[in-house]
Amino acid sequence: MAHYNTLPRVRQVSYGEYEVERLLMMEDKLMNHHGKNYSQLHKDLIRKEYGLITL
């Protein structure tokens, strides 16, 4: 049986000063469009991209 760590894993995302405003706007628009929070959106986009390269 697999043993999973019960503590959440957290990672930070750093934005350069030149990109922060635009990326935050994009994130907000995507979260509103898909009805997801940041974490859900990130995980779905990772799964989508992974699916594209493993076909």
PDB file of N, CA and C in Angstrom:
ATOM      1  N   MET A   1       0.842  -1.173   0.000  1.00  0.00           N
ATOM      2  CA  MET A   1       0.000   0.000   0.000  1.00  0.00           C
ATOM      3  C   MET A   1       0.891   1.240   0.000  1.00  0.00           C
ATOM      4  N   ALA A   2       0.550   2.223  -0.826  1.00  0.00           N
ATOM      5  CA  ALA A   2       1.329   3.454  -0.911  1.00  0.00           C
ATOM      6  C   ALA A   2       1.098   4.318   0.321  1.00  0.00           C
ATOM      7  N   HIS A   3       2.156   4.937   0.778  1.00  0.00           N
ATOM      8  CA  HIS A   3       2.066   5.851   1.919  1.00  0.00           C
ATOM      9  C   HIS A   3       2.215   7.271   1.394  1.00  0.00           C
ATOM     10  N   TYR A   4       1.213   8.108   1.643  1.00  0.00           N
ATOM     11  CA  TYR A   4       1.247   9.485   1.162  1.00  0.00           C
ATOM     12  C   TYR A   4       1.434  10.435   2.325  1.00  0.00           C
ATOM     13  N   ASN A   5       2.234  11.439   2.115  1.00  0.00           N
ATOM     14  CA  ASN A   5       2.447  12.466   3.118  1.00  0.00           C
ATOM     15  C   ASN A   5       1.151  13.256   3.279  1.00  0.00           C
ATOM     16  N   THR A   6       0.696  13.441   4.497  1.00  0.00           N
ATOM     17  CA  THR A   6      -0.574  14.120   4.721  1.00  0.00           C
ATOM     18  C   THR A   6      -0.442  15.635   4.754  1.00  0.00           C
ATOM     19  N   LEU A   7       0.777  16.146   4.773  1.00  0.00           N
ATOM     20  CA  LEU A   7       0.967  17.596   4.767  1.00  0.00           C
ATOM     21  C   LEU A   7       0.894  18.123   3.339  1.00  0.00           C
ATOM     22  N   PRO A   8       0.271  19.289   3.155  1.00  0.00           N
ATOM     23  CA  PRO A   8       0.208  19.849   1.797  1.00  0.00           C
ATOM     24  C   PRO A   8       1.589  20.283   1.320  1.00  0.00           C
ATOM     25  N   ARG A   9       1.820  20.161   0.042  1.00  0.00           N
ATOM     26  CA  ARG A   9       3.075  20.620  -0.557  1.00  0.00           C
ATOM     27  C   ARG A   9       2.831  21.997  -1.129  1.00  0.00           C
ATOM     28  N   VAL A  10       3.727  22.895  -0.861  1.00  0.00           N
ATOM     29  CA  VAL A  10       3.563  24.284  -1.278  1.00  0.00           C
ATOM     30  C   VAL A  10       4.783  24.703  -2.074  1.00  0.00           C
ATOM     31  N   ARG A  11       4.530  25.410  -3.174  1.00  0.00           N
ATOM     32  CA  ARG A  11       5.611  25.974  -3.988  1.00  0.00           C
ATOM     33  C   ARG A  11       5.291  27.433  -4.254  1.00  0.00           C
ATOM     34  N   GLN A  12       6.320  28.211  -4.401  1.00  0.00           N
ATOM     35  CA  GLN A  12       6.136  29.623  -4.710  1.00  0.00           C
ATOM     36  C   GLN A  12       6.388  29.862  -6.188  1.00  0.00           C
ATOM     37  N   VAL A  13       5.730  30.878  -6.706  1.00  0.00           N
ATOM     38  CA  VAL A  13       5.967  31.312  -8.077  1.00  0.00           C
ATOM     39  C   VAL A  13       6.494  32.730  -8.011  1.00  0.00           C
ATOM     40  N   SER A  14       7.617  32.968  -8.641  1.00  0.00           N
ATOM     41  CA  SER A  14       8.198  34.316  -8.667  1.00  0.00           C
ATOM     42  C   SER A  14       7.883  34.973 -10.000  1.00  0.00           C
ATOM     43  N   TYR A  15       7.515  36.235  -9.932  1.00  0.00           N
ATOM     44  CA  TYR A  15       7.230  37.015 -11.132  1.00  0.00           C
ATOM     45  C   TYR A  15       8.222  38.168 -11.206  1.00  0.00           C
ATOM     46  N   GLY A  16       8.744  38.387 -12.397  1.00  0.00           N
ATOM     47  CA  GLY A  16       9.599  39.542 -12.605  1.00  0.00           C
ATOM     48  C   GLY A  16       8.754  40.805 -12.587  1.00  0.00           C
ATOM     49  N   GLU A  17       9.367  41.897 -12.202  1.00  0.00           N
ATOM     50  CA  GLU A  17       8.651  43.181 -12.121  1.00  0.00           C
ATOM     51  C   GLU A  17       7.981  43.530 -13.456  1.00  0.00           C
ATOM     52  N   TYR A  18       8.630  43.190 -14.559  1.00  0.00           N
ATOM     53  CA  TYR A  18       8.127  43.522 -15.888  1.00  0.00           C
ATOM     54  C   TYR A  18       6.926  42.681 -16.309  1.00  0.00           C
ATOM     55  N   GLU A  19       6.655  41.559 -15.620  1.00  0.00           N
ATOM     56  CA  GLU A  19       5.588  40.661 -16.062  1.00  0.00           C
ATOM     57  C   GLU A  19       4.461  40.479 -15.054  1.00  0.00           C
ATOM     58  N   VAL A  20       4.640  40.966 -13.848  1.00  0.00           N
ATOM     59  CA  VAL A  20       3.697  40.642 -12.777  1.00  0.00           C
ATOM     60  C   VAL A  20       2.285  41.135 -13.076  1.00  0.00           C
ATOM     61  N   GLU A  21       2.129  42.360 -13.515  1.00  0.00           N
ATOM     62  CA  GLU A  21       0.789  42.903 -13.752  1.00  0.00           C
ATOM     63  C   GLU A  21       0.052  42.112 -14.826  1.00  0.00           C
ATOM     64  N   ARG A  22       0.735  41.830 -15.917  1.00  0.00           N
ATOM     65  CA  ARG A  22       0.103  41.108 -17.032  1.00  0.00           C
ATOM     66  C   ARG A  22      -0.227  39.663 -16.645  1.00  0.00           C
ATOM     67  N   LEU A  23       0.680  38.974 -15.972  1.00  0.00           N
ATOM     68  CA  LEU A  23       0.419  37.586 -15.589  1.00  0.00           C
ATOM     69  C   LEU A  23      -0.714  37.477 -14.579  1.00  0.00           C
ATOM     70  N   LEU A  24      -0.772  38.387 -13.619  1.00  0.00           N
ATOM     71  CA  LEU A  24      -1.867  38.360 -12.649  1.00  0.00           C
ATOM     72  C   LEU A  24      -3.216  38.602 -13.334  1.00  0.00           C
ATOM     73  N   MET A  25      -3.236  39.494 -14.321  1.00  0.00           N
ATOM     74  CA  MET A  25      -4.454  39.739 -15.093  1.00  0.00           C
ATOM     75  C   MET A  25      -4.873  38.477 -15.836  1.00  0.00           C
ATOM     76  N   MET A  26      -3.895  37.786 -16.444  1.00  0.00           N
ATOM     77  CA  MET A  26      -4.196  36.559 -17.175  1.00  0.00           C
ATOM     78  C   MET A  26      -4.723  35.481 -16.231  1.00  0.00           C
ATOM     79  N   GLU A  27      -4.081  35.333 -15.073  1.00  0.00           N
ATOM     80  CA  GLU A  27      -4.526  34.346 -14.094  1.00  0.00           C
ATOM     81  C   GLU A  27      -5.957  34.627 -13.652  1.00  0.00           C
ATOM     82  N   ASP A  28      -6.248  35.880 -13.328  1.00  0.00           N
ATOM     83  CA  ASP A  28      -7.597  36.240 -12.884  1.00  0.00           C
ATOM     84  C   ASP A  28      -8.638  35.944 -13.966  1.00  0.00           C
ATOM     85  N   LYS A  29      -8.315  36.285 -15.199  1.00  0.00           N
ATOM     86  CA  LYS A  29      -9.250  36.047 -16.304  1.00  0.00           C
ATOM     87  C   LYS A  29      -9.495  34.546 -16.494  1.00  0.00           C
ATOM     88  N   LEU A  30      -8.428  33.754 -16.457  1.00  0.00           N
ATOM     89  CA  LEU A  30      -8.570  32.305 -16.608  1.00  0.00           C
ATOM     90  C   LEU A  30      -9.330  31.679 -15.437  1.00  0.00           C
ATOM     91  N   MET A  31      -9.040  32.129 -14.212  1.00  0.00           N
ATOM     92  CA  MET A  31      -9.749  31.596 -13.044  1.00  0.00           C
ATOM     93  C   MET A  31     -11.236  31.907 -13.130  1.00  0.00           C
ATOM     94  N   ASN A  32     -11.581  33.134 -13.507  1.00  0.00           N
ATOM     95  CA  ASN A  32     -12.995  33.494 -13.652  1.00  0.00           C
ATOM     96  C   ASN A  32     -13.664  32.715 -14.771  1.00  0.00           C
ATOM     97  N   HIS A  33     -12.983  32.579 -15.892  1.00  0.00           N
ATOM     98  CA  HIS A  33     -13.552  31.864 -17.048  1.00  0.00           C
ATOM     99  C   HIS A  33     -13.846  30.404 -16.715  1.00  0.00           C
ATOM    100  N   HIS A  34     -12.911  29.751 -16.028  1.00  0.00           N
ATOM    101  CA  HIS A  34     -13.050  28.323 -15.728  1.00  0.00           C
ATOM    102  C   HIS A  34     -13.713  28.045 -14.379  1.00  0.00           C
ATOM    103  N   GLY A  35     -13.955  29.101 -13.585  1.00  0.00           N
ATOM    104  CA  GLY A  35     -14.563  28.913 -12.267  1.00  0.00           C
ATOM    105  C   GLY A  35     -13.672  28.135 -11.320  1.00  0.00           C
ATOM    106  N   LYS A  36     -12.372  28.412 -11.368  1.00  0.00           N
ATOM    107  CA  LYS A  36     -11.400  27.683 -10.548  1.00  0.00           C
ATOM    108  C   LYS A  36     -10.580  28.666  -9.732  1.00  0.00           C
ATOM    109  N   ASN A  37     -10.004  28.152  -8.642  1.00  0.00           N
ATOM    110  CA  ASN A  37      -9.054  28.978  -7.905  1.00  0.00           C
ATOM    111  C   ASN A  37      -7.669  28.775  -8.516  1.00  0.00           C
ATOM    112  N   TYR A  38      -6.668  29.478  -7.980  1.00  0.00           N
ATOM    113  CA  TYR A  38      -5.325  29.418  -8.556  1.00  0.00           C
ATOM    114  C   TYR A  38      -4.775  27.997  -8.572  1.00  0.00           C
ATOM    115  N   SER A  39      -4.943  27.291  -7.477  1.00  0.00           N
ATOM    116  CA  SER A  39      -4.398  25.936  -7.369  1.00  0.00           C
ATOM    117  C   SER A  39      -5.068  24.990  -8.363  1.00  0.00           C
ATOM    118  N   GLN A  40      -6.376  25.054  -8.460  1.00  0.00           N
ATOM    119  CA  GLN A  40      -7.106  24.191  -9.399  1.00  0.00           C
ATOM    120  C   GLN A  40      -6.709  24.499 -10.833  1.00  0.00           C
ATOM    121  N   LEU A  41      -6.627  25.774 -11.162  1.00  0.00           N
ATOM    122  CA  LEU A  41      -6.247  26.185 -12.515  1.00  0.00           C
ATOM    123  C   LEU A  41      -4.855  25.678 -12.861  1.00  0.00           C
ATOM    124  N   HIS A  42      -3.916  25.860 -11.954  1.00  0.00           N
ATOM    125  CA  HIS A  42      -2.539  25.425 -12.188  1.00  0.00           C
ATOM    126  C   HIS A  42      -2.484  23.920 -12.438  1.00  0.00           C
ATOM    127  N   LYS A  43      -3.136  23.128 -11.587  1.00  0.00           N
ATOM    128  CA  LYS A  43      -3.096  21.675 -11.740  1.00  0.00           C
ATOM    129  C   LYS A  43      -3.747  21.231 -13.050  1.00  0.00           C
ATOM    130  N   ASP A  44      -4.865  21.849 -13.423  1.00  0.00           N
ATOM    131  CA  ASP A  44      -5.513  21.493 -14.687  1.00  0.00           C
ATOM    132  C   ASP A  44      -4.639  21.834 -15.885  1.00  0.00           C
ATOM    133  N   LEU A  45      -3.979  22.998 -15.843  1.00  0.00           N
ATOM    134  CA  LEU A  45      -3.111  23.380 -16.958  1.00  0.00           C
ATOM    135  C   LEU A  45      -1.883  22.477 -17.053  1.00  0.00           C
ATOM    136  N   ILE A  46      -1.347  22.049 -15.909  1.00  0.00           N
ATOM    137  CA  ILE A  46      -0.220  21.112 -15.914  1.00  0.00           C
ATOM    138  C   ILE A  46      -0.658  19.786 -16.540  1.00  0.00           C
ATOM    139  N   ARG A  47      -1.822  19.281 -16.131  1.00  0.00           N
ATOM    140  CA  ARG A  47      -2.329  18.018 -16.704  1.00  0.00           C
ATOM    141  C   ARG A  47      -2.550  18.146 -18.209  1.00  0.00           C
ATOM    142  N   LYS A  48      -3.109  19.283 -18.637  1.00  0.00           N
ATOM    143  CA  LYS A  48      -3.370  19.510 -20.062  1.00  0.00           C
ATOM    144  C   LYS A  48      -2.060  19.516 -20.862  1.00  0.00           C
ATOM    145  N   GLU A  49      -1.072  20.251 -20.395  1.00  0.00           N
ATOM    146  CA  GLU A  49       0.215  20.319 -21.083  1.00  0.00           C
ATOM    147  C   GLU A  49       0.924  18.971 -21.080  1.00  0.00           C
ATOM    148  N   TYR A  50       0.857  18.264 -19.974  1.00  0.00           N
ATOM    149  CA  TYR A  50       1.483  16.946 -19.887  1.00  0.00           C
ATOM    150  C   TYR A  50       0.837  15.991 -20.895  1.00  0.00           C
ATOM    151  N   GLY A  51      -0.485  16.068 -21.008  1.00  0.00           N
ATOM    152  CA  GLY A  51      -1.186  15.231 -21.978  1.00  0.00           C
ATOM    153  C   GLY A  51      -0.746  15.514 -23.410  1.00  0.00           C
ATOM    154  N   LEU A  52      -0.435  16.757 -23.702  1.00  0.00           N
ATOM    155  CA  LEU A  52       0.001  17.125 -25.049  1.00  0.00           C
ATOM    156  C   LEU A  52       1.367  16.536 -25.413  1.00  0.00           C
ATOM    157  N   ILE A  53       2.244  16.418 -24.433  1.00  0.00           N
ATOM    158  CA  ILE A  53       3.591  15.924 -24.761  1.00  0.00           C
ATOM    159  C   ILE A  53       3.707  14.412 -24.617  1.00  0.00           C
ATOM    160  N   THR A  54       2.702  13.757 -24.061  1.00  0.00           N
ATOM    161  CA  THR A  54       2.796  12.313 -23.875  1.00  0.00           C
ATOM    162  C   THR A  54       1.881  11.539 -24.826  1.00  0.00           C
ATOM    163  N   LEU A  55       1.342  12.215 -25.805  1.00  0.00           N
ATOM    164  CA  LEU A  55       0.477  11.516 -26.784  1.00  0.00           C
ATOM    165  C   LEU A  55       1.276  10.662 -27.722  1.00  0.00           C
TER     166      LEU A  55
END
